[in-house]
């Protein structure tokens, strides 16, 4: 399992390198999309192996997972837009519009609630062909992947903020908790 997570982590590193290269070259998101597809494929293969899925279960997991992932990606984009609008309202030295900030708080909470509702819907959908133990293992696998992705993003932000281009330890040396 550790090997699977390290491989997935390595793929996430490729995404961060690809995103950085994309920023530098000004290319479209084609490279990032290709890397994202590779990560999704590798994650799905690992989930199939870890959960012991047959081909029918695997096909349904891929279909459901893709549908709900697209939904959650839209919700994340909406939340990001709300956070940007809130940051604009809360700029230092500028009086914030109280009504706008109140509406943005409500929008942020609604986006979060919709995100949770999406996970609940996905779990209901998966319950048609996965056992509770398989669903729990799937959640854990996905949570580890998301945590690793967040760590990579945070590290990239820290590097960008500090301006330091220190060499990071290879993913094979990193440990998941």
C-alpha atoms as a PDB file:
ATOM      1  CA  UNK A   1       0.000   0.000   0.000  1.00  0.00           C
ATOM      2  CA  UNK A   2       2.858   2.368   0.834  1.00  0.00           C
ATOM      3  CA  UNK A   3       4.355   1.694  -2.592  1.00  0.00           C
ATOM      4  CA  UNK A   4       1.049   2.567  -4.247  1.00  0.00           C
ATOM      5  CA  UNK A   5       0.824   5.828  -2.387  1.00  0.00           C
ATOM      6  CA  UNK A   6       4.409   6.683  -3.198  1.00  0.00           C
ATOM      7  CA  UNK A   7       3.790   6.010  -6.889  1.00  0.00           C
ATOM      8  CA  UNK A   8       0.690   8.193  -6.725  1.00  0.00           C
ATOM      9  CA  UNK A   9       2.740  10.830  -4.925  1.00  0.00           C
ATOM     10  CA  UNK A  10       5.320  10.697  -7.657  1.00  0.00           C
ATOM     11  CA  UNK A  11       2.604  11.281 -10.198  1.00  0.00           C
ATOM     12  CA  UNK A  12       1.410  14.264  -8.183  1.00  0.00           C
ATOM     13  CA  UNK A  13       4.937  15.615  -8.310  1.00  0.00           C
ATOM     14  CA  UNK A  14       4.767  15.315 -12.072  1.00  0.00           C
ATOM     15  CA  UNK A  15       1.604  17.388 -12.040  1.00  0.00           C
ATOM     16  CA  UNK A  16       3.284  20.106 -10.021  1.00  0.00           C
ATOM     17  CA  UNK A  17       6.266  20.091 -12.373  1.00  0.00           C
ATOM     18  CA  UNK A  18       3.907  20.038 -15.334  1.00  0.00           C
ATOM     19  CA  UNK A  19       1.889  22.928 -13.948  1.00  0.00           C
ATOM     20  CA  UNK A  20       5.063  24.917 -13.347  1.00  0.00           C
ATOM     21  CA  UNK A  21       6.264  24.154 -16.881  1.00  0.00           C
ATOM     22  CA  UNK A  22       2.850  25.123 -18.200  1.00  0.00           C
ATOM     23  CA  UNK A  23       3.079  28.472 -16.405  1.00  0.00           C
ATOM     24  CA  UNK A  24       6.560  29.031 -17.822  1.00  0.00           C
ATOM     25  CA  UNK A  25       5.695  28.136 -21.388  1.00  0.00           C
ATOM     26  CA  UNK A  26       2.218  29.632 -21.527  1.00  0.00           C
ATOM     27  CA  UNK A  27       0.826  26.432 -23.074  1.00  0.00           C
ATOM     28  CA  UNK A  28      -2.738  25.339 -22.567  1.00  0.00           C
ATOM     29  CA  UNK A  29      -3.640  22.845 -19.886  1.00  0.00           C
ATOM     30  CA  UNK A  30      -3.032  19.887 -22.195  1.00  0.00           C
ATOM     31  CA  UNK A  31       0.038  18.674 -20.324  1.00  0.00           C
ATOM     32  CA  UNK A  32      -1.597  19.121 -16.923  1.00  0.00           C
ATOM     33  CA  UNK A  33      -4.681  17.283 -18.165  1.00  0.00           C
ATOM     34  CA  UNK A  34      -2.545  14.420 -19.456  1.00  0.00           C
ATOM     35  CA  UNK A  35      -0.817  14.126 -16.100  1.00  0.00           C
ATOM     36  CA  UNK A  36      -4.134  14.322 -14.250  1.00  0.00           C
ATOM     37  CA  UNK A  37      -5.451  11.472 -16.412  1.00  0.00           C
ATOM     38  CA  UNK A  38      -2.377   9.375 -15.621  1.00  0.00           C
ATOM     39  CA  UNK A  39      -2.874   9.946 -11.895  1.00  0.00           C
ATOM     40  CA  UNK A  40      -6.571   9.093 -12.121  1.00  0.00           C
ATOM     41  CA  UNK A  41      -5.790   5.927 -14.070  1.00  0.00           C
ATOM     42  CA  UNK A  42      -3.096   4.862 -11.611  1.00  0.00           C
ATOM     43  CA  UNK A  43      -5.343   5.648  -8.644  1.00  0.00           C
ATOM     44  CA  UNK A  44      -8.190   3.642 -10.165  1.00  0.00           C
ATOM     45  CA  UNK A  45      -5.891   0.683 -10.777  1.00  0.00           C
ATOM     46  CA  UNK A  46      -4.651   0.857  -7.200  1.00  0.00           C
ATOM     47  CA  UNK A  47      -8.216   1.092  -5.897  1.00  0.00           C
ATOM     48  CA  UNK A  48      -9.189  -1.939  -7.996  1.00  0.00           C
ATOM     49  CA  UNK A  49      -6.312  -3.903  -6.523  1.00  0.00           C
ATOM     50  CA  UNK A  50      -6.801  -2.764  -2.919  1.00  0.00           C
ATOM     51  CA  UNK A  51     -10.570  -3.229  -2.960  1.00  0.00           C
ATOM     52  CA  UNK A  52     -10.534  -6.521  -4.862  1.00  0.00           C
ATOM     53  CA  UNK A  53     -12.982  -5.324  -7.513  1.00  0.00           C
ATOM     54  CA  UNK A  54     -14.157  -7.405 -10.429  1.00  0.00           C
ATOM     55  CA  UNK A  55     -14.366  -5.797 -13.872  1.00  0.00           C
ATOM     56  CA  UNK A  56     -18.044  -4.818 -13.522  1.00  0.00           C
ATOM     57  CA  UNK A  57     -17.448  -3.162 -10.142  1.00  0.00           C
ATOM     58  CA  UNK A  58     -14.373  -1.441 -11.499  1.00  0.00           C
ATOM     59  CA  UNK A  59     -16.277  -0.061 -14.487  1.00  0.00           C
ATOM     60  CA  UNK A  60     -19.010   1.284 -12.227  1.00  0.00           C
ATOM     61  CA  UNK A  61     -16.456   2.774  -9.829  1.00  0.00           C
ATOM     62  CA  UNK A  62     -14.724   4.570 -12.713  1.00  0.00           C
ATOM     63  CA  UNK A  63     -18.017   5.888 -14.096  1.00  0.00           C
ATOM     64  CA  UNK A  64     -19.388   7.035 -10.740  1.00  0.00           C
ATOM     65  CA  UNK A  65     -16.050   8.387  -9.614  1.00  0.00           C
ATOM     66  CA  UNK A  66     -15.669  10.450 -12.774  1.00  0.00           C
ATOM     67  CA  UNK A  67     -19.155  11.874 -12.524  1.00  0.00           C
ATOM     68  CA  UNK A  68     -18.801  12.888  -8.885  1.00  0.00           C
ATOM     69  CA  UNK A  69     -15.244  14.149  -9.366  1.00  0.00           C
ATOM     70  CA  UNK A  70     -16.435  16.510 -12.098  1.00  0.00           C
ATOM     71  CA  UNK A  71     -19.217  17.737  -9.831  1.00  0.00           C
ATOM     72  CA  UNK A  72     -16.801  18.369  -6.956  1.00  0.00           C
ATOM     73  CA  UNK A  73     -14.341  20.121  -9.264  1.00  0.00           C
ATOM     74  CA  UNK A  74     -17.091  22.589 -10.203  1.00  0.00           C
ATOM     75  CA  UNK A  75     -17.874  23.077  -6.521  1.00  0.00           C
ATOM     76  CA  UNK A  76     -14.199  23.735  -5.784  1.00  0.00           C
ATOM     77  CA  UNK A  77     -14.056  26.313  -8.559  1.00  0.00           C
ATOM     78  CA  UNK A  78     -17.157  27.995  -7.158  1.00  0.00           C
ATOM     79  CA  UNK A  79     -15.649  28.026  -3.672  1.00  0.00           C
ATOM     80  CA  UNK A  80     -12.399  29.457  -5.048  1.00  0.00           C
ATOM     81  CA  UNK A  81     -14.319  32.272  -6.754  1.00  0.00           C
ATOM     82  CA  UNK A  82     -16.180  33.047  -3.515  1.00  0.00           C
ATOM     83  CA  UNK A  83     -12.908  33.113  -1.562  1.00  0.00           C
ATOM     84  CA  UNK A  84     -11.373  35.493  -4.110  1.00  0.00           C
ATOM     85  CA  UNK A  85     -14.391  37.781  -3.878  1.00  0.00           C
ATOM     86  CA  UNK A  86     -14.182  37.684  -0.075  1.00  0.00           C
ATOM     87  CA  UNK A  87     -10.471  38.492  -0.163  1.00  0.00           C
ATOM     88  CA  UNK A  88     -11.241  41.458  -2.405  1.00  0.00           C
ATOM     89  CA  UNK A  89     -13.821  42.684   0.103  1.00  0.00           C
ATOM     90  CA  UNK A  90     -11.433  42.260   3.034  1.00  0.00           C
ATOM     91  CA  UNK A  91      -8.447  44.091   1.568  1.00  0.00           C
ATOM     92  CA  UNK A  92      -6.585  46.191   4.120  1.00  0.00           C
ATOM     93  CA  UNK A  93      -7.340  49.880   3.902  1.00  0.00           C
ATOM     94  CA  UNK A  94     -10.625  49.375   2.028  1.00  0.00           C
ATOM     95  CA  UNK A  95     -13.984  49.395   3.779  1.00  0.00           C
ATOM     96  CA  UNK A  96     -15.747  46.083   3.209  1.00  0.00           C
ATOM     97  CA  UNK A  97     -19.392  46.047   2.174  1.00  0.00           C
ATOM     98  CA  UNK A  98     -21.096  44.279   5.080  1.00  0.00           C
ATOM     99  CA  UNK A  99     -23.967  42.939   2.964  1.00  0.00           C
ATOM    100  CA  UNK A 100     -21.596  41.559   0.338  1.00  0.00           C
ATOM    101  CA  UNK A 101     -19.427  39.870   2.952  1.00  0.00           C
ATOM    102  CA  UNK A 102     -22.515  38.306   4.575  1.00  0.00           C
ATOM    103  CA  UNK A 103     -23.645  36.956   1.192  1.00  0.00           C
ATOM    104  CA  UNK A 104     -20.148  35.622   0.487  1.00  0.00           C
ATOM    105  CA  UNK A 105     -20.067  33.822   3.836  1.00  0.00           C
ATOM    106  CA  UNK A 106     -23.415  32.189   3.012  1.00  0.00           C
ATOM    107  CA  UNK A 107     -22.134  31.245  -0.445  1.00  0.00           C
ATOM    108  CA  UNK A 108     -18.989  29.725   1.048  1.00  0.00           C
ATOM    109  CA  UNK A 109     -20.986  27.665   3.536  1.00  0.00           C
ATOM    110  CA  UNK A 110     -23.371  26.565   0.783  1.00  0.00           C
ATOM    111  CA  UNK A 111     -20.452  25.456  -1.375  1.00  0.00           C
ATOM    112  CA  UNK A 112     -19.030  23.454   1.510  1.00  0.00           C
ATOM    113  CA  UNK A 113     -22.399  21.846   2.229  1.00  0.00           C
ATOM    114  CA  UNK A 114     -22.781  20.952  -1.455  1.00  0.00           C
ATOM    115  CA  UNK A 115     -19.320  19.379  -1.406  1.00  0.00           C
ATOM    116  CA  UNK A 116     -20.287  17.168   1.547  1.00  0.00           C
ATOM    117  CA  UNK A 117     -23.611  16.337  -0.108  1.00  0.00           C
ATOM    118  CA  UNK A 118     -21.690  15.224  -3.191  1.00  0.00           C
ATOM    119  CA  UNK A 119     -19.651  12.781  -1.093  1.00  0.00           C
ATOM    120  CA  UNK A 120     -22.822  11.446   0.521  1.00  0.00           C
ATOM    121  CA  UNK A 121     -24.416  10.944  -2.887  1.00  0.00           C
ATOM    122  CA  UNK A 122     -21.330   9.177  -4.139  1.00  0.00           C
ATOM    123  CA  UNK A 123     -21.272   6.841  -1.150  1.00  0.00           C
ATOM    124  CA  UNK A 124     -24.970   6.038  -1.699  1.00  0.00           C
ATOM    125  CA  UNK A 125     -24.223   5.298  -5.335  1.00  0.00           C
ATOM    126  CA  UNK A 126     -21.214   3.135  -4.470  1.00  0.00           C
ATOM    127  CA  UNK A 127     -23.238   1.217  -1.880  1.00  0.00           C
ATOM    128  CA  UNK A 128     -25.097  -0.431  -4.769  1.00  0.00           C
ATOM    129  CA  UNK A 129     -22.010  -2.467  -5.672  1.00  0.00           C
ATOM    130  CA  UNK A 130     -19.403  -2.038  -2.901  1.00  0.00           C
ATOM    131  CA  UNK A 131     -19.490  -3.344   0.637  1.00  0.00           C
ATOM    132  CA  UNK A 132     -19.179  -0.880   3.538  1.00  0.00           C
ATOM    133  CA  UNK A 133     -15.578  -2.068   4.073  1.00  0.00           C
ATOM    134  CA  UNK A 134     -14.731  -1.458   0.415  1.00  0.00           C
ATOM    135  CA  UNK A 135     -16.286   2.004   0.569  1.00  0.00           C
ATOM    136  CA  UNK A 136     -14.315   2.831   3.703  1.00  0.00           C
ATOM    137  CA  UNK A 137     -11.073   1.666   2.094  1.00  0.00           C
ATOM    138  CA  UNK A 138     -11.883   3.697  -0.997  1.00  0.00           C
ATOM    139  CA  UNK A 139     -12.463   6.798   1.121  1.00  0.00           C
ATOM    140  CA  UNK A 140      -9.156   6.276   2.904  1.00  0.00           C
ATOM    141  CA  UNK A 141      -7.269   5.821  -0.361  1.00  0.00           C
ATOM    142  CA  UNK A 142      -8.809   8.948  -1.832  1.00  0.00           C
ATOM    143  CA  UNK A 143      -8.237  10.953   1.348  1.00  0.00           C
ATOM    144  CA  UNK A 144      -4.558  10.040   1.319  1.00  0.00           C
ATOM    145  CA  UNK A 145      -4.284  11.083  -2.309  1.00  0.00           C
ATOM    146  CA  UNK A 146      -6.006  14.405  -1.607  1.00  0.00           C
ATOM    147  CA  UNK A 147      -3.801  15.056   1.428  1.00  0.00           C
ATOM    148  CA  UNK A 148      -0.717  14.380  -0.638  1.00  0.00           C
ATOM    149  CA  UNK A 149      -1.955  16.721  -3.360  1.00  0.00           C
ATOM    150  CA  UNK A 150      -2.596  19.449  -0.777  1.00  0.00           C
ATOM    151  CA  UNK A 151       0.888  18.982   0.652  1.00  0.00           C
ATOM    152  CA  UNK A 152       2.432  19.344  -2.801  1.00  0.00           C
ATOM    153  CA  UNK A 153       0.380  22.492  -3.469  1.00  0.00           C
ATOM    154  CA  UNK A 154       1.296  23.987  -0.088  1.00  0.00           C
ATOM    155  CA  UNK A 155       4.965  23.260  -0.690  1.00  0.00           C
ATOM    156  CA  UNK A 156       4.802  24.899  -4.121  1.00  0.00           C
ATOM    157  CA  UNK A 157       3.101  27.974  -2.621  1.00  0.00           C
ATOM    158  CA  UNK A 158       5.738  28.167   0.094  1.00  0.00           C
ATOM    159  CA  UNK A 159       8.499  27.963  -2.488  1.00  0.00           C
ATOM    160  CA  UNK A 160       6.827  30.617  -4.609  1.00  0.00           C
ATOM    161  CA  UNK A 161       6.258  32.892  -1.600  1.00  0.00           C
ATOM    162  CA  UNK A 162       9.791  32.556  -0.285  1.00  0.00           C
ATOM    163  CA  UNK A 163      11.351  32.764  -3.717  1.00  0.00           C
ATOM    164  CA  UNK A 164      13.610  29.918  -2.712  1.00  0.00           C
ATOM    165  CA  UNK A 165      14.108  27.217  -5.291  1.00  0.00           C
ATOM    166  CA  UNK A 166      15.475  24.665  -2.873  1.00  0.00           C
ATOM    167  CA  UNK A 167      15.649  21.128  -4.074  1.00  0.00           C
ATOM    168  CA  UNK A 168      12.843  19.052  -2.585  1.00  0.00           C
ATOM    169  CA  UNK A 169      13.337  15.545  -1.317  1.00  0.00           C
ATOM    170  CA  UNK A 170      12.194  12.955  -3.847  1.00  0.00           C
ATOM    171  CA  UNK A 171       8.759  11.497  -3.184  1.00  0.00           C
ATOM    172  CA  UNK A 172      10.194   8.075  -2.567  1.00  0.00           C
ATOM    173  CA  UNK A 173      11.791   9.518   0.588  1.00  0.00           C
ATOM    174  CA  UNK A 174       8.562  11.058   1.850  1.00  0.00           C
ATOM    175  CA  UNK A 175       6.375   9.121   4.223  1.00  0.00           C
ATOM    176  CA  UNK A 176       2.635   9.206   4.560  1.00  0.00           C
ATOM    177  CA  UNK A 177       1.194   9.167   8.038  1.00  0.00           C
END
